[in-house]
Structures are given as structure tokens and as C-alpha cells.
Amino acid sequence: MIPSRIWWLSAVAAAAVSFAVLSPAAAQAPPAAAPPATAPPAAASADPFGEEVTLVEKPIVYISGSGMWDSAFDTIIGGFKTVYGAMAKQGLKATGAPMTIYTATDDTGFQFQAAVPVEKTPIVPPDSEITAGMSPAGKALKFVHRGSYDAMDTTYEAITNYLDEKQLEAKDLFVEQYMKDPISTPEDDLVIEVYVPLK
């Protein structure tokens, strides 16, 4: 579904060298076409593309899961519904935007955490569907995607090219934070902040 994400984590783990070498689209592009490929999709807006930020660790509750790329968005939404349902039962309130933390990917699928920030780390009952923990922290690059989840191919390709051109090493995970409720927002109207933690 999303080629750049399919090999994202394996590429980072396998080599700290050029991401573009691993990207068929980037490898086939002629040198003269490389700069336009990294032009941020935000060219028509003021959205940041590659902005350096520091992620602050936050208490979260989450559910871990796995899915296939061809049904990724439905899988993630299902995860958030489970998290919000468990939070309602335990009287927990969200204190920030929900996020997907991708922890592993391969050619066909991915492993993830559907997470929601809360005020403080709660004591989660043993039979609860959710787990309590902390969100990723540290130096990262921020990118913004607007539009459908399926259209993120282009955004991730541009991110990959950006990292390659800047010769930056990413950690073996990445985070999508949903600035509009992913459950109720029409998919074409999504605003997703992508955070790429750096080594």
C-alpha cells in the first residue's frame, strides 16, 4: 500500500546509509528530477516539512496490534475505538491528539501501538484491553500530511528523499499524530503530523 513505509523500519535497521538507494522510485529518478521530488507537499501551504523538534515524553494508554497494508487505516481506527472504549470504562480522559506508533514493518504488514495521551500514567486493571506507558521522546523531524491516509505514499516518499539528501539517520520507529479525530473526520480531510525520531 505505502512502499516507503513498507520497508521503512527494515531499511533503517539494515543500513544507516542512503534511503533513496532502497526506494525503487528514488533509484529510477534521474538526477535532475531529485530536487523536485523532495519539494514538500506543503508548497501550497505553511505546513512544516522536516522541521526539527524535540518530542516530549507523555503518559499514554495504548493497544498493540498488527495489520496488513491494504487495510491499514481500518485496522488503526479499530485500535483507537478499542482504546477509547477502555478509557471510557476506566474514566480516563484524553489530554492530546491520538497517535499511531509504528514499531515494525515488512512487505505485507506492520506492528503498531494505537495510543492516546492521558494526564498521568494510570493503573490499568490486569483484564484491561489497554496498556499504560510513555510516548517516544527525543530529537525528531516533523512533517505534515493533509488528505486521505491512502495518499500518504507521496508524503513518505518525500520524507525518505529528504532524509537521504540530508544524510540523516532515523530510529527504527515513526509516529503519526492525528490533528483531526481519525474516527469521525472524513478521510479526505485528515491532517496527520508525521514524526521521525533521529539517532
Protein backbone atom coordinates (compact mmCIF):
# COMPACT_ATOMS: atom_id res chain seq x y z
CA MET A 1 0.00 0.00 0.00
CA ILE A 2 2.62 2.53 1.06
CA PRO A 3 6.00 1.44 -0.31
CA SER A 4 8.11 3.85 1.73
CA ARG A 5 6.52 2.67 4.96
CA ILE A 6 6.63 -0.98 3.97
CA TRP A 7 10.42 -1.02 4.09
CA TRP A 8 10.95 1.96 6.37
CA LEU A 9 11.94 0.13 9.52
CA SER A 10 13.82 -2.69 7.82
CA ALA A 11 15.82 -0.13 5.84
CA VAL A 12 16.74 1.79 8.97
CA ALA A 13 17.71 -1.38 10.80
CA ALA A 14 19.66 -2.85 7.89
CA ALA A 15 21.72 0.19 6.97
CA ALA A 16 22.38 3.71 8.10
CA VAL A 17 23.11 4.72 4.54
CA SER A 18 21.08 6.14 1.68
CA PHE A 19 17.32 5.65 1.94
CA ALA A 20 16.98 6.54 -1.73
CA VAL A 21 19.04 3.52 -2.76
CA LEU A 22 16.36 1.32 -1.23
CA SER A 23 13.50 3.22 -2.84
CA PRO A 24 12.63 2.00 -6.34
CA ALA A 25 11.03 5.32 -7.17
CA ALA A 26 14.04 7.29 -5.99
CA ALA A 27 16.51 4.93 -7.61
CA GLN A 28 14.86 5.26 -11.02
CA ALA A 29 14.52 9.03 -10.90
CA PRO A 30 17.10 10.87 -12.99
CA PRO A 31 19.46 13.14 -11.00
CA ALA A 32 17.84 16.27 -12.43
CA ALA A 33 14.46 15.13 -11.07
CA ALA A 34 15.69 14.58 -7.50
CA PRO A 35 15.24 18.15 -6.14
CA PRO A 36 11.58 18.43 -7.22
CA ALA A 37 10.89 15.05 -5.58
CA THR A 38 11.86 16.50 -2.22
CA ALA A 39 9.81 19.65 -2.60
CA PRO A 40 7.41 19.47 0.32
CA PRO A 41 3.78 18.73 -0.43
CA ALA A 42 3.21 21.81 1.72
CA ALA A 43 4.42 24.04 -1.11
CA ALA A 44 0.92 25.48 -1.28
CA SER A 45 0.68 25.90 2.49
CA ALA A 46 2.73 26.89 5.51
CA ASP A 47 3.00 23.34 6.84
CA PRO A 48 6.43 22.37 8.17
CA PHE A 49 8.42 19.80 6.23
CA GLY A 50 11.47 18.48 8.03
CA GLU A 51 11.18 20.88 10.98
CA GLU A 52 13.48 19.89 13.83
CA VAL A 53 11.55 19.33 17.04
CA THR A 54 12.04 17.67 20.41
CA LEU A 55 9.37 15.15 21.31
CA VAL A 56 8.43 15.33 24.97
CA GLU A 57 7.63 12.06 26.73
CA LYS A 58 3.94 11.84 27.64
CA PRO A 59 1.89 9.30 29.58
CA ILE A 60 -0.20 7.26 27.14
CA VAL A 61 -2.60 4.38 27.11
CA TYR A 62 -2.49 2.16 24.06
CA ILE A 63 -3.34 -1.10 22.43
CA SER A 64 -0.72 -3.03 20.50
CA GLY A 65 -1.69 -4.68 17.26
CA SER A 66 -0.68 -5.67 13.78
CA GLY A 67 -2.23 -5.26 10.38
CA MET A 68 -1.84 -5.56 6.63
CA TRP A 69 -1.04 -2.55 4.48
CA ASP A 70 -4.10 -2.98 2.26
CA SER A 71 -6.39 -2.40 5.25
CA ALA A 72 -4.08 -0.28 7.43
CA PHE A 73 -6.40 2.64 8.13
CA ASP A 74 -9.33 0.41 9.14
CA THR A 75 -7.02 -1.53 11.46
CA ILE A 76 -5.72 1.64 13.09
CA ILE A 77 -9.23 3.07 13.53
CA GLY A 78 -10.31 -0.21 15.12
CA GLY A 79 -7.41 0.14 17.56
CA PHE A 80 -8.43 3.67 18.53
CA LYS A 81 -12.04 2.60 19.07
CA THR A 82 -10.84 -0.11 21.45
CA VAL A 83 -8.61 2.36 23.33
CA TYR A 84 -11.33 4.99 23.69
CA GLY A 85 -13.83 2.33 24.80
CA ALA A 86 -11.48 1.09 27.52
CA MET A 87 -10.72 4.67 28.58
CA ALA A 88 -14.44 5.38 28.99
CA LYS A 89 -14.84 2.32 31.21
CA GLN A 90 -11.96 3.45 33.43
CA GLY A 91 -12.91 7.13 33.50
CA LEU A 92 -9.76 8.25 31.68
CA LYS A 93 -9.71 11.44 29.61
CA ALA A 94 -7.52 12.21 26.63
CA THR A 95 -5.14 15.16 27.03
CA GLY A 96 -3.86 15.30 23.45
CA ALA A 97 -4.17 14.04 19.91
CA PRO A 98 -4.22 10.27 19.28
CA MET A 99 -1.15 8.77 17.66
CA THR A 100 -0.02 5.64 15.89
CA ILE A 101 3.45 4.46 16.87
CA TYR A 102 4.80 2.11 14.21
CA THR A 103 7.21 -0.36 15.80
CA ALA A 104 7.89 -2.78 12.91
CA THR A 105 7.05 -3.18 9.22
CA ASP A 106 7.61 -5.66 6.44
CA ASP A 107 6.48 -6.16 2.86
CA THR A 108 2.93 -7.08 3.76
CA GLY A 109 2.14 -5.58 7.14
CA PHE A 110 3.11 -3.72 10.26
CA GLN A 111 3.06 -3.71 14.05
CA PHE A 112 1.82 -0.66 15.87
CA GLN A 113 0.51 0.94 19.02
CA ALA A 114 -2.72 2.96 18.82
CA ALA A 115 -2.05 5.44 21.63
CA VAL A 116 -3.85 8.29 23.36
CA PRO A 117 -2.14 10.76 25.74
CA VAL A 118 -3.56 10.99 29.27
CA GLU A 119 -2.84 13.30 32.21
CA LYS A 120 -0.81 10.77 34.19
CA THR A 121 0.12 7.13 33.86
CA PRO A 122 -2.90 5.22 35.14
CA ILE A 123 -3.03 1.93 36.97
CA VAL A 124 -4.55 -0.36 34.37
CA PRO A 125 -6.52 -3.40 35.58
CA PRO A 126 -4.97 -6.75 34.58
CA ASP A 127 -8.02 -7.62 32.46
CA SER A 128 -7.99 -4.30 30.58
CA GLU A 129 -7.59 -4.22 26.83
CA ILE A 130 -5.18 -1.30 27.11
CA THR A 131 -1.65 -0.85 28.41
CA ALA A 132 -0.13 2.22 30.05
CA GLY A 133 3.24 3.59 29.03
CA MET A 134 5.13 6.60 27.72
CA SER A 135 5.28 8.09 24.24
CA PRO A 136 8.55 8.34 22.27
CA ALA A 137 10.81 11.25 23.21
CA GLY A 138 13.86 12.99 21.82
CA LYS A 139 15.05 14.74 18.70
CA ALA A 140 12.82 14.25 15.66
CA LEU A 141 11.80 15.74 12.35
CA LYS A 142 8.22 16.88 11.82
CA PHE A 143 6.32 16.55 8.55
CA VAL A 144 2.65 17.24 7.80
CA HIS A 145 0.26 15.32 5.55
CA ARG A 146 -3.16 16.61 4.54
CA GLY A 147 -5.71 14.37 2.88
CA SER A 148 -6.55 10.70 2.80
CA TYR A 149 -4.49 8.04 4.52
CA ASP A 150 -4.08 6.18 1.24
CA ALA A 151 -2.49 9.29 -0.30
CA MET A 152 0.37 9.24 2.22
CA ASP A 153 2.55 7.33 -0.26
CA THR A 154 3.74 10.62 -1.73
CA THR A 155 4.42 12.15 1.68
CA TYR A 156 6.50 9.20 2.82
CA GLU A 157 8.44 9.13 -0.43
CA ALA A 158 9.27 12.81 0.04
CA ILE A 159 10.29 12.16 3.68
CA THR A 160 12.57 9.33 2.58
CA ASN A 161 14.23 11.53 -0.04
CA TYR A 162 14.62 14.34 2.47
CA LEU A 163 16.40 12.08 4.97
CA ASP A 164 18.67 10.77 2.25
CA GLU A 165 19.62 14.22 0.96
CA LYS A 166 20.35 15.47 4.49
CA GLN A 167 22.20 12.22 5.31
CA LEU A 168 20.18 11.76 8.48
CA GLU A 169 19.75 8.51 10.41
CA ALA A 170 16.27 7.70 11.66
CA LYS A 171 15.44 5.43 14.57
CA ASP A 172 13.58 2.21 13.91
CA LEU A 173 10.13 3.68 14.53
CA PHE A 174 7.97 6.58 13.43
CA VAL A 175 4.87 8.28 14.76
CA GLU A 176 1.72 9.61 13.12
CA GLN A 177 -0.28 12.09 15.21
CA TYR A 178 -3.82 12.87 14.09
CA MET A 179 -4.72 16.53 14.44
CA LYS A 180 -8.33 15.80 13.50
CA ASP A 181 -10.21 12.89 15.05
CA PRO A 182 -9.40 9.99 12.72
CA ILE A 183 -12.60 8.18 13.71
CA SER A 184 -15.07 10.92 12.79
CA THR A 185 -13.19 13.06 10.26
CA PRO A 186 -13.83 12.33 6.56
CA GLU A 187 -10.67 10.63 5.32
CA ASP A 188 -10.00 13.26 2.64
CA ASP A 189 -9.94 15.93 5.38
CA LEU A 190 -7.35 14.31 7.65
CA VAL A 191 -4.39 16.30 8.99
CA ILE A 192 -1.57 14.00 10.11
CA GLU A 193 1.71 15.08 11.67
CA VAL A 194 4.48 12.56 10.99
CA TYR A 195 7.37 12.48 13.45
CA VAL A 196 10.60 10.74 12.52
CA PRO A 197 12.86 10.30 15.59
CA LEU A 198 16.55 10.68 14.79
CA LYS A 199 19.53 8.73 16.15
